[in-house]
Amino acid sequence: MPSAASWLDALPTDFYDQLAHSLSLHGMAAAELISRPETPVLARLRSLSGLDTITVQRLNAIGSHAQLLAVLQHEPLPLYHVLLLGRLTLETTLAEPVLAYVQRSMSISVEQLQQLLTYCLDLSGAFLQQLEEHLSAPAGTISLGLHRMQVEEVFAELLTQLPAAAAPAANLRLSEPQLQMLRLALLLVHSLPPDTDHAFLRAVHALPNLRAAALEPLIEHLGRVRVQEPLTLTMPELVQLYQGMQVCGMVFVSDVMSRIGLEDAFPVLTETEAATTEAAPVSNRQAVGEMVSGFTHWVQHTFPDSSEIQQARQEIMALADTLG
């Protein structure tokens, strides 16, 4: 096996620049994994890798070629494990929070994010092979390759203990007005005050699907989607949008608008203004009503036998009764 100095000296001077994005992405993914709530399987994974949150954070701070060389010289195995665990995580749904953060912070599309992920995984795969050629195995292990297999087996066991992901119910590509309307509906429902004097507001807050904590993941989901990009929704998310849109529509056609101070933000033409305005545009209230109606009919037509949608519809009908 070549000495550490010989193979490190052979690295190009721009090696860190080539690897920087991959190191950062793998480091974030490894941190996401290691910081998960403790379980026996995760404890075994931490023991095999020797990683903890402090070590991962420290290695994530590598910011130059000189720092990378120093780590490879003095603690190459921790860096190896960050890359290995990061790579395993990035190939699963465990990486969704990391990828969502990267997409949002870099302001890139889903396709660009996928290209970046593929590029980083290609680099990490090649670098891991290089490390396995030059590094000694951890104590008690015949080879680094066999050790890697042990880590991968424990990681696979960890995946079997995760809750099953909900199957997608719908795949949409939304126009700008449609996407903005869905975002508006959820944000509006999320911001409704817990007014104990108004039966409608009390009833909205009583619906489990429309509570603030339940809405926040979907609000974040919609916030990451761009116009005409694929939007995949699970049935629980679709139910939230179905109910949220209808609550938004009720707010716009009732006294709730004025109660929460939206009248000035969404003015409506008076009859006199409408009569004197040539080709008067559709009012904001009318536009909202049409979009709510269109989305509601689409959901009911597309999922006529869904028990979840039927229950959601009954809850909304009961909600409408509170408006009087």
Protein backbone atom coordinates (compact mmCIF):
# COMPACT_ATOMS: atom_id res chain seq x y z
CA MET A 1 0.00 0.00 0.00
CA PRO A 2 1.48 3.42 -0.96
CA SER A 3 2.34 5.74 1.91
CA ALA A 4 -0.13 8.41 2.90
CA ALA A 5 2.25 11.14 1.82
CA SER A 6 2.72 9.71 -1.69
CA TRP A 7 -0.95 9.59 -2.63
CA LEU A 8 -1.80 12.89 -0.95
CA ASP A 9 1.07 14.60 -2.76
CA ALA A 10 -0.37 13.31 -6.03
CA LEU A 11 -3.70 15.08 -5.52
CA PRO A 12 -4.16 18.06 -7.87
CA THR A 13 -3.96 21.49 -6.25
CA ASP A 14 -7.56 22.22 -7.23
CA PHE A 15 -8.84 18.96 -5.72
CA TYR A 16 -10.80 20.73 -2.99
CA ASP A 17 -12.44 23.03 -5.56
CA GLN A 18 -13.57 19.98 -7.53
CA LEU A 19 -14.92 18.28 -4.42
CA ALA A 20 -16.34 21.27 -2.50
CA HIS A 21 -20.01 20.92 -3.50
CA SER A 22 -19.92 17.16 -2.96
CA LEU A 23 -18.27 17.51 0.46
CA SER A 24 -20.87 20.07 1.53
CA LEU A 25 -23.86 18.08 0.32
CA HIS A 26 -22.61 14.80 1.79
CA GLY A 27 -21.76 16.53 5.05
CA MET A 28 -25.27 17.97 5.38
CA ALA A 29 -26.80 14.58 4.60
CA ALA A 30 -24.57 12.83 7.16
CA ALA A 31 -25.50 15.46 9.76
CA GLU A 32 -29.20 14.90 9.02
CA LEU A 33 -28.74 11.17 9.59
CA ILE A 34 -26.58 11.35 12.72
CA SER A 35 -28.86 13.92 14.38
CA ARG A 36 -31.95 11.70 14.13
CA PRO A 37 -33.56 10.51 17.40
CA GLU A 38 -31.56 7.74 19.02
CA THR A 39 -32.49 4.12 18.27
CA PRO A 40 -30.49 0.92 18.79
CA VAL A 41 -29.79 0.65 15.06
CA LEU A 42 -28.68 4.26 14.79
CA ALA A 43 -26.45 3.72 17.83
CA ARG A 44 -24.78 0.82 16.00
CA LEU A 45 -24.32 3.00 12.94
CA ARG A 46 -22.69 5.69 15.04
CA SER A 47 -20.45 3.11 16.69
CA LEU A 48 -19.35 1.61 13.36
CA SER A 49 -18.61 5.03 11.86
CA GLY A 50 -17.23 6.66 14.99
CA LEU A 51 -19.23 9.77 14.09
CA ASP A 52 -21.21 12.12 16.29
CA THR A 53 -22.80 15.49 15.54
CA ILE A 54 -19.75 17.46 16.73
CA THR A 55 -17.36 15.51 14.49
CA VAL A 56 -19.63 15.88 11.48
CA GLN A 57 -20.00 19.61 12.07
CA ARG A 58 -16.24 20.01 12.34
CA LEU A 59 -15.59 18.11 9.11
CA ASN A 60 -18.33 20.08 7.38
CA ALA A 61 -16.26 23.21 8.07
CA ILE A 62 -13.47 22.15 5.67
CA GLY A 63 -13.05 25.20 3.45
CA SER A 64 -9.77 24.91 1.58
CA HIS A 65 -7.37 22.50 -0.09
CA ALA A 66 -4.95 22.83 2.81
CA GLN A 67 -7.65 21.93 5.36
CA LEU A 68 -8.75 18.96 3.25
CA LEU A 69 -5.16 17.67 3.08
CA ALA A 70 -4.77 18.07 6.84
CA VAL A 71 -7.91 16.02 7.48
CA LEU A 72 -6.82 13.33 5.02
CA GLN A 73 -3.45 13.21 6.74
CA HIS A 74 -4.60 13.06 10.36
CA GLU A 75 -8.22 11.76 10.42
CA PRO A 76 -9.08 10.24 7.06
CA LEU A 77 -11.51 7.61 8.42
CA PRO A 78 -13.98 10.14 9.90
CA LEU A 79 -14.05 11.94 6.54
CA TYR A 80 -14.50 8.58 4.80
CA HIS A 81 -17.48 7.83 7.00
CA VAL A 82 -19.03 11.26 6.43
CA LEU A 83 -18.87 10.64 2.69
CA LEU A 84 -20.17 7.08 3.05
CA LEU A 85 -23.10 7.90 5.32
CA GLY A 86 -23.86 11.06 3.37
CA ARG A 87 -23.95 9.08 0.14
CA LEU A 88 -26.23 6.40 1.61
CA THR A 89 -28.55 9.09 2.96
CA LEU A 90 -28.66 11.07 -0.29
CA GLU A 91 -29.97 8.00 -2.11
CA THR A 92 -33.03 7.78 0.17
CA THR A 93 -35.97 9.90 1.29
CA LEU A 94 -34.00 10.74 4.45
CA ALA A 95 -32.26 13.41 2.39
CA GLU A 96 -35.44 15.28 1.46
CA PRO A 97 -34.97 18.07 4.07
CA VAL A 98 -31.37 18.57 2.93
CA LEU A 99 -32.24 18.64 -0.76
CA ALA A 100 -35.15 21.01 -0.11
CA TYR A 101 -32.80 23.37 1.74
CA VAL A 102 -30.22 23.22 -1.08
CA GLN A 103 -32.82 23.89 -3.75
CA ARG A 104 -34.24 26.83 -1.81
CA SER A 105 -30.88 28.37 -0.89
CA MET A 106 -29.48 28.04 -4.42
CA SER A 107 -32.77 29.03 -6.13
CA ILE A 108 -32.52 26.15 -8.60
CA SER A 109 -35.14 24.00 -10.31
CA VAL A 110 -35.88 20.36 -9.56
CA GLU A 111 -34.00 19.36 -12.71
CA GLN A 112 -30.96 21.42 -11.73
CA LEU A 113 -31.05 19.94 -8.23
CA GLN A 114 -31.06 16.44 -9.71
CA GLN A 115 -28.10 17.32 -11.94
CA LEU A 116 -26.19 18.64 -8.91
CA LEU A 117 -27.03 15.52 -6.90
CA THR A 118 -25.87 13.21 -9.71
CA TYR A 119 -22.62 15.19 -10.07
CA CYS A 120 -21.91 15.04 -6.33
CA LEU A 121 -22.70 11.33 -6.08
CA ASP A 122 -20.39 10.56 -9.01
CA LEU A 123 -17.56 12.43 -7.29
CA SER A 124 -18.13 10.83 -3.91
CA GLY A 125 -18.27 7.35 -5.45
CA ALA A 126 -14.90 7.85 -7.13
CA PHE A 127 -13.35 9.43 -4.02
CA LEU A 128 -14.58 6.64 -1.72
CA GLN A 129 -12.96 4.07 -4.01
CA GLN A 130 -9.73 6.07 -3.90
CA LEU A 131 -9.83 6.23 -0.11
CA GLU A 132 -10.43 2.48 0.12
CA GLU A 133 -7.28 1.91 -1.91
CA HIS A 134 -5.10 3.94 0.47
CA LEU A 135 -6.63 3.84 3.96
CA SER A 136 -6.21 1.16 6.58
CA ALA A 137 -9.35 -0.52 7.88
CA PRO A 138 -10.67 0.27 11.37
CA ALA A 139 -9.31 -1.93 14.14
CA GLY A 140 -10.82 -5.39 14.11
CA THR A 141 -11.80 -5.25 10.42
CA ILE A 142 -9.98 -7.13 7.66
CA SER A 143 -10.47 -4.47 4.99
CA LEU A 144 -12.16 -1.14 4.51
CA GLY A 145 -14.31 -2.72 1.81
CA LEU A 146 -15.72 -5.27 4.26
CA HIS A 147 -16.22 -2.55 6.84
CA ARG A 148 -18.19 -0.57 4.27
CA MET A 149 -20.45 -3.58 3.73
CA GLN A 150 -21.13 -3.73 7.49
CA VAL A 151 -22.09 -0.06 7.51
CA GLU A 152 -24.35 -0.52 4.50
CA GLU A 153 -26.09 -3.51 6.14
CA VAL A 154 -26.84 -1.55 9.31
CA PHE A 155 -28.04 1.42 7.25
CA ALA A 156 -30.38 -0.88 5.30
CA GLU A 157 -31.74 -2.17 8.63
CA LEU A 158 -32.33 1.44 9.70
CA LEU A 159 -34.38 2.07 6.57
CA THR A 160 -36.68 -0.87 7.33
CA GLN A 161 -37.60 0.75 10.64
CA LEU A 162 -38.69 4.04 9.11
CA PRO A 163 -42.41 4.73 8.59
CA ALA A 164 -43.55 3.82 5.10
CA ALA A 165 -43.82 6.83 2.84
CA ALA A 166 -47.33 7.72 1.73
CA ALA A 167 -48.03 6.80 -1.87
CA PRO A 168 -48.51 9.73 -4.27
CA ALA A 169 -52.15 10.46 -5.09
CA ALA A 170 -51.74 13.15 -7.74
CA ASN A 171 -49.09 14.72 -9.95
CA LEU A 172 -49.80 18.28 -11.07
CA ARG A 173 -48.12 20.96 -13.13
CA LEU A 174 -49.47 24.32 -12.04
CA SER A 175 -49.58 27.69 -13.75
CA GLU A 176 -48.45 30.79 -11.87
CA PRO A 177 -52.01 31.83 -10.82
CA GLN A 178 -52.87 28.28 -9.73
CA LEU A 179 -49.72 27.88 -7.65
CA GLN A 180 -50.14 31.30 -6.04
CA MET A 181 -53.78 30.51 -5.24
CA LEU A 182 -52.88 27.26 -3.48
CA ARG A 183 -50.17 29.03 -1.48
CA LEU A 184 -52.53 31.87 -0.60
CA ALA A 185 -55.21 29.45 0.57
CA LEU A 186 -52.90 27.58 2.94
CA LEU A 187 -51.25 30.73 4.28
CA LEU A 188 -54.65 32.33 4.83
CA VAL A 189 -55.98 29.33 6.75
CA HIS A 190 -52.73 29.12 8.71
CA SER A 191 -53.07 32.76 9.78
CA LEU A 192 -56.74 32.65 10.81
CA PRO A 193 -56.93 33.85 14.42
CA PRO A 194 -58.36 31.53 17.08
CA ASP A 195 -61.39 33.79 17.58
CA THR A 196 -63.63 32.20 20.20
CA ASP A 197 -66.45 34.62 19.34
CA HIS A 198 -66.82 33.42 15.76
CA ALA A 199 -68.27 29.95 15.21
CA PHE A 200 -66.65 29.59 11.78
CA LEU A 201 -63.14 30.32 13.05
CA ARG A 202 -63.61 27.95 15.96
CA ALA A 203 -64.78 25.23 13.58
CA VAL A 204 -61.80 25.74 11.24
CA HIS A 205 -59.35 25.36 14.12
CA ALA A 206 -61.14 22.17 15.17
CA LEU A 207 -60.31 20.44 11.86
CA PRO A 208 -57.14 18.34 12.37
CA ASN A 209 -56.01 18.76 8.75
CA LEU A 210 -56.11 22.57 8.97
CA ARG A 211 -54.30 23.14 12.24
CA ALA A 212 -51.20 25.30 11.93
CA ALA A 213 -48.73 22.52 12.72
CA ALA A 214 -50.39 20.19 10.21
CA LEU A 215 -50.32 22.81 7.44
CA GLU A 216 -46.69 23.90 7.81
CA PRO A 217 -45.05 20.93 6.00
CA LEU A 218 -47.37 21.39 3.01
CA ILE A 219 -46.82 25.16 2.98
CA GLU A 220 -43.08 24.47 2.83
CA HIS A 221 -43.64 21.86 0.11
CA LEU A 222 -45.56 24.32 -2.07
CA GLY A 223 -42.96 26.99 -1.38
CA ARG A 224 -40.28 24.85 -3.03
CA VAL A 225 -42.27 24.17 -6.21
CA ARG A 226 -41.86 26.35 -9.27
CA VAL A 227 -44.36 27.06 -12.03
CA GLN A 228 -44.94 24.04 -14.30
CA GLU A 229 -42.63 21.84 -12.24
CA PRO A 230 -44.08 18.46 -11.18
CA LEU A 231 -45.97 18.72 -7.89
CA THR A 232 -46.52 15.31 -6.31
CA LEU A 233 -49.19 15.16 -3.61
CA THR A 234 -50.11 12.41 -1.21
CA MET A 235 -53.76 11.89 -0.34
CA PRO A 236 -53.38 13.64 3.06
CA GLU A 237 -51.82 16.63 1.28
CA LEU A 238 -54.58 16.64 -1.32
CA VAL A 239 -57.21 16.61 1.43
CA GLN A 240 -55.49 19.58 3.09
CA LEU A 241 -55.50 21.53 -0.17
CA TYR A 242 -59.11 20.55 -0.88
CA GLN A 243 -60.27 21.80 2.51
CA GLY A 244 -57.89 24.75 2.60
CA MET A 245 -59.08 26.06 -0.76
CA GLN A 246 -62.72 25.84 0.28
CA VAL A 247 -62.06 27.57 3.61
CA CYS A 248 -60.26 30.30 1.69
CA GLY A 249 -63.28 30.66 -0.60
CA MET A 250 -65.64 30.93 2.40
CA VAL A 251 -63.45 33.61 3.95
CA PHE A 252 -63.61 35.66 0.76
CA VAL A 253 -67.41 35.55 0.53
CA SER A 254 -68.23 36.14 4.18
CA ASP A 255 -67.77 38.70 6.92
CA VAL A 256 -64.58 36.89 7.94
CA MET A 257 -62.79 39.03 5.34
CA SER A 258 -63.46 42.22 7.25
CA ARG A 259 -63.05 40.54 10.64
CA ILE A 260 -59.41 39.65 9.91
CA GLY A 261 -58.64 42.81 7.95
CA LEU A 262 -58.54 41.58 4.35
CA GLU A 263 -61.08 43.98 2.84
CA ASP A 264 -58.47 46.62 2.04
CA ALA A 265 -56.05 44.07 0.65
CA PHE A 266 -58.67 42.60 -1.71
CA PRO A 267 -61.05 45.41 -2.68
CA VAL A 268 -64.19 44.63 -4.63
CA LEU A 269 -65.81 46.95 -7.18
CA THR A 270 -69.09 48.50 -6.11
CA GLU A 271 -72.10 48.23 -8.44
CA THR A 272 -71.62 51.87 -9.48
CA GLU A 273 -67.92 51.32 -10.23
CA ALA A 274 -68.66 48.16 -12.14
CA ALA A 275 -71.34 49.92 -14.23
CA THR A 276 -69.07 52.84 -15.11
CA THR A 277 -65.94 50.77 -15.79
CA GLU A 278 -65.65 49.71 -19.40
CA ALA A 279 -64.87 45.96 -19.64
CA ALA A 280 -64.50 45.83 -15.87
CA PRO A 281 -62.09 43.12 -14.72
CA VAL A 282 -63.29 40.26 -12.62
CA SER A 283 -63.04 41.19 -8.95
CA ASN A 284 -60.55 39.45 -6.75
CA ARG A 285 -63.36 37.78 -4.85
CA GLN A 286 -64.84 36.43 -8.06
CA ALA A 287 -61.45 35.21 -9.27
CA VAL A 288 -60.83 33.41 -5.98
CA GLY A 289 -64.29 31.86 -6.11
CA GLU A 290 -63.74 30.56 -9.63
CA MET A 291 -60.37 29.02 -8.79
CA VAL A 292 -61.70 27.45 -5.59
CA SER A 293 -64.68 26.04 -7.47
CA GLY A 294 -62.48 24.72 -10.26
CA PHE A 295 -60.08 22.97 -7.90
CA THR A 296 -62.91 21.56 -5.79
CA HIS A 297 -64.70 20.10 -8.81
CA TRP A 298 -61.43 18.64 -10.14
CA VAL A 299 -60.74 16.84 -6.85
CA GLN A 300 -64.28 15.48 -6.54
CA HIS A 301 -64.34 14.38 -10.20
CA THR A 302 -60.88 12.77 -10.06
CA PHE A 303 -61.44 10.95 -6.75
CA PRO A 304 -65.18 10.15 -6.68
CA ASP A 305 -64.72 6.98 -4.59
CA SER A 306 -62.17 8.29 -2.13
CA SER A 307 -63.38 7.92 1.44
CA GLU A 308 -60.86 10.60 2.52
CA ILE A 309 -62.30 13.14 0.09
CA GLN A 310 -65.88 12.24 1.03
CA GLN A 311 -65.11 12.75 4.71
CA ALA A 312 -63.32 16.03 3.93
CA ARG A 313 -66.36 17.18 1.94
CA GLN A 314 -68.71 16.40 4.83
CA GLU A 315 -66.48 18.35 7.22
CA ILE A 316 -66.49 21.35 4.87
CA MET A 317 -70.30 21.22 4.52
CA ALA A 318 -70.58 21.26 8.31
CA LEU A 319 -68.13 24.14 8.37
CA ALA A 320 -70.24 26.11 5.89
CA ASP A 321 -73.21 25.81 8.20
CA THR A 322 -71.37 27.84 10.85
CA LEU A 323 -71.38 30.88 8.56
CA GLY A 324 -75.13 31.13 8.98
